[in-house]
N, C-alpha and C. Protein backbone atom coordinates (compact mmCIF):
# COMPACT_ATOMS: atom_id res chain seq x y z
N MET A 1 27.42 14.19 36.58
CA MET A 1 26.31 14.08 37.48
C MET A 1 25.54 15.39 37.47
N LEU A 2 24.25 15.33 37.64
CA LEU A 2 23.38 16.49 37.64
C LEU A 2 22.72 16.63 39.00
N LYS A 3 22.68 17.85 39.50
CA LYS A 3 22.06 18.10 40.79
C LYS A 3 21.16 19.33 40.69
N ILE A 4 19.98 19.26 41.29
CA ILE A 4 19.05 20.38 41.30
C ILE A 4 19.15 21.07 42.66
N ILE A 5 19.35 22.39 42.63
CA ILE A 5 19.47 23.17 43.86
C ILE A 5 18.57 24.40 43.75
N THR A 6 18.29 25.02 44.88
CA THR A 6 17.48 26.24 44.90
C THR A 6 18.38 27.46 44.83
N THR A 7 17.79 28.61 44.56
CA THR A 7 18.57 29.85 44.54
C THR A 7 19.15 30.14 45.92
N THR A 8 18.43 29.78 46.97
CA THR A 8 18.93 29.97 48.33
C THR A 8 20.18 29.13 48.56
N GLN A 9 20.15 27.87 48.13
CA GLN A 9 21.32 27.00 48.27
C GLN A 9 22.50 27.55 47.47
N LEU A 10 22.22 28.10 46.29
CA LEU A 10 23.27 28.70 45.47
C LEU A 10 23.93 29.85 46.22
N GLN A 11 23.12 30.71 46.81
CA GLN A 11 23.64 31.87 47.54
C GLN A 11 24.45 31.43 48.76
N GLN A 12 23.98 30.41 49.45
CA GLN A 12 24.64 29.97 50.68
C GLN A 12 25.91 29.16 50.41
N LYS A 13 25.96 28.44 49.29
CA LYS A 13 27.05 27.49 49.07
C LYS A 13 27.83 27.75 47.79
N ILE A 14 27.92 29.00 47.34
CA ILE A 14 28.56 29.30 46.07
C ILE A 14 30.02 28.83 46.03
N GLY A 15 30.74 28.95 47.13
CA GLY A 15 32.13 28.50 47.17
C GLY A 15 32.25 27.00 46.99
N GLU A 16 31.41 26.27 47.70
CA GLU A 16 31.41 24.81 47.61
C GLU A 16 31.02 24.35 46.20
N LEU A 17 30.02 25.01 45.63
CA LEU A 17 29.57 24.65 44.29
C LEU A 17 30.66 24.90 43.25
N SER A 18 31.38 26.00 43.40
CA SER A 18 32.44 26.31 42.42
C SER A 18 33.60 25.31 42.51
N ARG A 19 33.81 24.73 43.69
CA ARG A 19 34.85 23.71 43.83
C ARG A 19 34.44 22.38 43.18
N CYS A 20 33.15 22.10 43.15
CA CYS A 20 32.64 20.82 42.64
C CYS A 20 32.16 20.89 41.19
N ILE A 21 32.21 22.05 40.57
CA ILE A 21 31.58 22.25 39.27
C ILE A 21 32.14 21.34 38.17
N LYS A 22 33.38 20.89 38.29
CA LYS A 22 33.94 20.01 37.25
C LYS A 22 33.34 18.61 37.31
N LYS A 23 32.74 18.25 38.43
CA LYS A 23 32.14 16.92 38.59
C LYS A 23 30.62 16.96 38.52
N ILE A 24 30.03 18.10 38.89
CA ILE A 24 28.58 18.19 39.02
C ILE A 24 28.07 19.39 38.22
N THR A 25 27.03 19.16 37.43
CA THR A 25 26.33 20.24 36.74
C THR A 25 25.09 20.55 37.57
N TYR A 26 24.80 21.83 37.73
CA TYR A 26 23.68 22.24 38.59
C TYR A 26 22.58 22.90 37.79
N ILE A 27 21.34 22.55 38.11
CA ILE A 27 20.18 23.29 37.65
C ILE A 27 19.67 24.05 38.86
N VAL A 28 19.57 25.36 38.73
CA VAL A 28 19.13 26.21 39.84
C VAL A 28 17.65 26.52 39.65
N THR A 29 16.87 26.28 40.70
CA THR A 29 15.43 26.51 40.64
C THR A 29 15.02 27.65 41.56
N ASN A 30 13.92 28.27 41.21
CA ASN A 30 13.30 29.28 42.06
C ASN A 30 11.82 28.95 42.12
N ARG A 31 11.33 28.64 43.29
CA ARG A 31 9.94 28.23 43.50
C ARG A 31 9.57 27.02 42.64
N GLY A 32 10.53 26.11 42.51
CA GLY A 32 10.28 24.86 41.80
C GLY A 32 10.43 24.93 40.29
N ILE A 33 10.77 26.10 39.77
CA ILE A 33 10.91 26.26 38.32
C ILE A 33 12.39 26.46 37.99
N GLY A 34 12.90 25.68 37.04
CA GLY A 34 14.29 25.82 36.63
C GLY A 34 14.55 27.20 36.06
N LYS A 35 15.61 27.85 36.54
CA LYS A 35 15.93 29.22 36.10
C LYS A 35 17.27 29.32 35.40
N MET A 36 18.24 28.50 35.80
CA MET A 36 19.56 28.59 35.18
C MET A 36 20.30 27.28 35.34
N VAL A 37 21.35 27.15 34.55
CA VAL A 37 22.22 25.98 34.59
C VAL A 37 23.63 26.45 34.91
N LEU A 38 24.30 25.78 35.82
CA LEU A 38 25.69 26.08 36.13
C LEU A 38 26.55 24.98 35.52
N LEU A 39 27.46 25.39 34.65
CA LEU A 39 28.34 24.45 33.94
C LEU A 39 29.79 24.83 34.17
N PRO A 40 30.70 23.88 34.07
CA PRO A 40 32.12 24.23 34.19
C PRO A 40 32.57 25.01 32.95
N TYR A 41 33.49 25.92 33.15
CA TYR A 41 34.04 26.70 32.04
C TYR A 41 35.38 26.12 31.64
N PHE A 42 35.66 26.12 30.34
CA PHE A 42 36.99 25.74 29.85
C PHE A 42 37.31 26.62 28.66
N ASP A 43 38.59 26.83 28.43
CA ASP A 43 39.00 27.65 27.29
C ASP A 43 38.48 27.03 26.00
N GLY A 44 37.86 27.84 25.19
CA GLY A 44 37.34 27.37 23.92
C GLY A 44 35.87 27.01 23.93
N CYS A 45 35.20 27.10 25.06
CA CYS A 45 33.79 26.72 25.11
C CYS A 45 32.86 27.87 24.75
N ASP A 46 33.43 29.03 24.44
CA ASP A 46 32.61 30.21 24.14
C ASP A 46 31.64 29.96 22.98
N GLU A 47 32.11 29.27 21.96
CA GLU A 47 31.24 29.00 20.81
C GLU A 47 30.08 28.09 21.21
N ASN A 48 30.35 27.11 22.07
CA ASN A 48 29.27 26.22 22.54
C ASN A 48 28.23 27.01 23.32
N ILE A 49 28.68 27.95 24.14
CA ILE A 49 27.76 28.77 24.91
C ILE A 49 26.93 29.65 23.97
N SER A 50 27.57 30.21 22.96
CA SER A 50 26.85 31.03 21.97
C SER A 50 25.79 30.21 21.25
N ASN A 51 26.13 28.98 20.88
CA ASN A 51 25.17 28.09 20.21
C ASN A 51 24.00 27.77 21.13
N TYR A 52 24.28 27.50 22.40
CA TYR A 52 23.22 27.22 23.37
C TYR A 52 22.29 28.42 23.49
N MET A 53 22.86 29.62 23.62
CA MET A 53 22.04 30.82 23.77
C MET A 53 21.19 31.09 22.53
N GLU A 54 21.74 30.80 21.36
CA GLU A 54 20.97 30.96 20.12
C GLU A 54 19.79 29.99 20.11
N ASP A 55 20.03 28.73 20.49
CA ASP A 55 18.96 27.74 20.59
C ASP A 55 17.92 28.17 21.62
N TYR A 56 18.37 28.67 22.75
CA TYR A 56 17.48 29.13 23.82
C TYR A 56 16.56 30.23 23.30
N GLU A 57 17.13 31.22 22.63
CA GLU A 57 16.34 32.34 22.11
C GLU A 57 15.34 31.87 21.06
N MET A 58 15.75 30.93 20.21
CA MET A 58 14.83 30.42 19.19
C MET A 58 13.66 29.67 19.83
N ILE A 59 13.94 28.89 20.85
CA ILE A 59 12.86 28.17 21.53
C ILE A 59 11.93 29.14 22.24
N GLN A 60 12.51 30.16 22.88
CA GLN A 60 11.70 31.16 23.58
C GLN A 60 10.80 31.94 22.60
N ASN A 61 11.27 32.14 21.39
CA ASN A 61 10.54 32.94 20.40
C ASN A 61 9.88 32.08 19.32
N GLN A 62 9.75 30.80 19.57
CA GLN A 62 9.26 29.87 18.56
C GLN A 62 7.88 30.25 18.02
N ALA A 63 6.96 30.60 18.88
CA ALA A 63 5.61 30.96 18.44
C ALA A 63 5.64 32.19 17.54
N LYS A 64 6.41 33.19 17.95
CA LYS A 64 6.52 34.42 17.16
C LYS A 64 7.18 34.14 15.81
N LEU A 65 8.24 33.30 15.82
CA LEU A 65 8.92 32.97 14.57
C LEU A 65 8.00 32.22 13.61
N LYS A 66 7.19 31.30 14.13
CA LYS A 66 6.25 30.57 13.28
C LYS A 66 5.24 31.52 12.66
N LYS A 67 4.75 32.47 13.46
CA LYS A 67 3.78 33.45 12.98
C LYS A 67 4.39 34.30 11.87
N GLU A 68 5.62 34.77 12.08
CA GLU A 68 6.30 35.59 11.07
C GLU A 68 6.59 34.78 9.80
N PHE A 69 6.98 33.52 9.96
CA PHE A 69 7.25 32.66 8.82
C PHE A 69 5.98 32.44 8.00
N LYS A 70 4.87 32.17 8.68
CA LYS A 70 3.59 31.96 8.00
C LYS A 70 3.19 33.22 7.25
N LYS A 71 3.35 34.37 7.90
CA LYS A 71 3.01 35.65 7.27
C LYS A 71 3.84 35.85 6.00
N SER A 72 5.13 35.57 6.10
CA SER A 72 6.03 35.71 4.96
C SER A 72 5.66 34.74 3.84
N LEU A 73 5.37 33.51 4.22
CA LEU A 73 5.00 32.49 3.24
C LEU A 73 3.70 32.84 2.54
N ASP A 74 2.73 33.32 3.31
CA ASP A 74 1.42 33.69 2.75
C ASP A 74 1.49 34.90 1.83
N SER A 75 2.48 35.75 2.01
CA SER A 75 2.58 36.96 1.19
C SER A 75 3.03 36.66 -0.24
N GLY A 76 3.53 35.46 -0.46
CA GLY A 76 3.93 35.07 -1.81
C GLY A 76 5.33 35.51 -2.16
N LYS A 77 5.67 35.27 -3.40
CA LYS A 77 7.01 35.59 -3.89
C LYS A 77 7.18 37.10 -4.03
N SER A 78 8.32 37.57 -3.61
CA SER A 78 8.62 39.00 -3.69
C SER A 78 8.95 39.41 -5.13
N SER A 79 8.62 40.64 -5.47
CA SER A 79 8.95 41.16 -6.80
C SER A 79 10.31 41.85 -6.81
N LEU A 80 10.97 41.87 -5.66
CA LEU A 80 12.27 42.52 -5.55
C LEU A 80 13.31 41.76 -6.37
N VAL A 81 14.05 42.50 -7.19
CA VAL A 81 15.10 41.91 -8.01
C VAL A 81 16.43 42.50 -7.56
N ILE A 82 17.37 41.64 -7.29
CA ILE A 82 18.69 42.10 -6.84
C ILE A 82 19.72 41.84 -7.91
């Protein structure tokens, strides 16, 4: 189940939320904008979290990455020989 809460609710009810985290995933908002996700932790999920953060960073930098890719593509084939 997914529940949307505010940062104020998070601060006020952190103990209650931590008890329910295995049943409920939380999206925390600030002024109506999603800021973070609270998920249950389990041993071995570190790789999943790393993958999520990598995806997050790529989406955040998508415009810059496209610009750099276009610049690289437009520059043509490199003369560097390895």
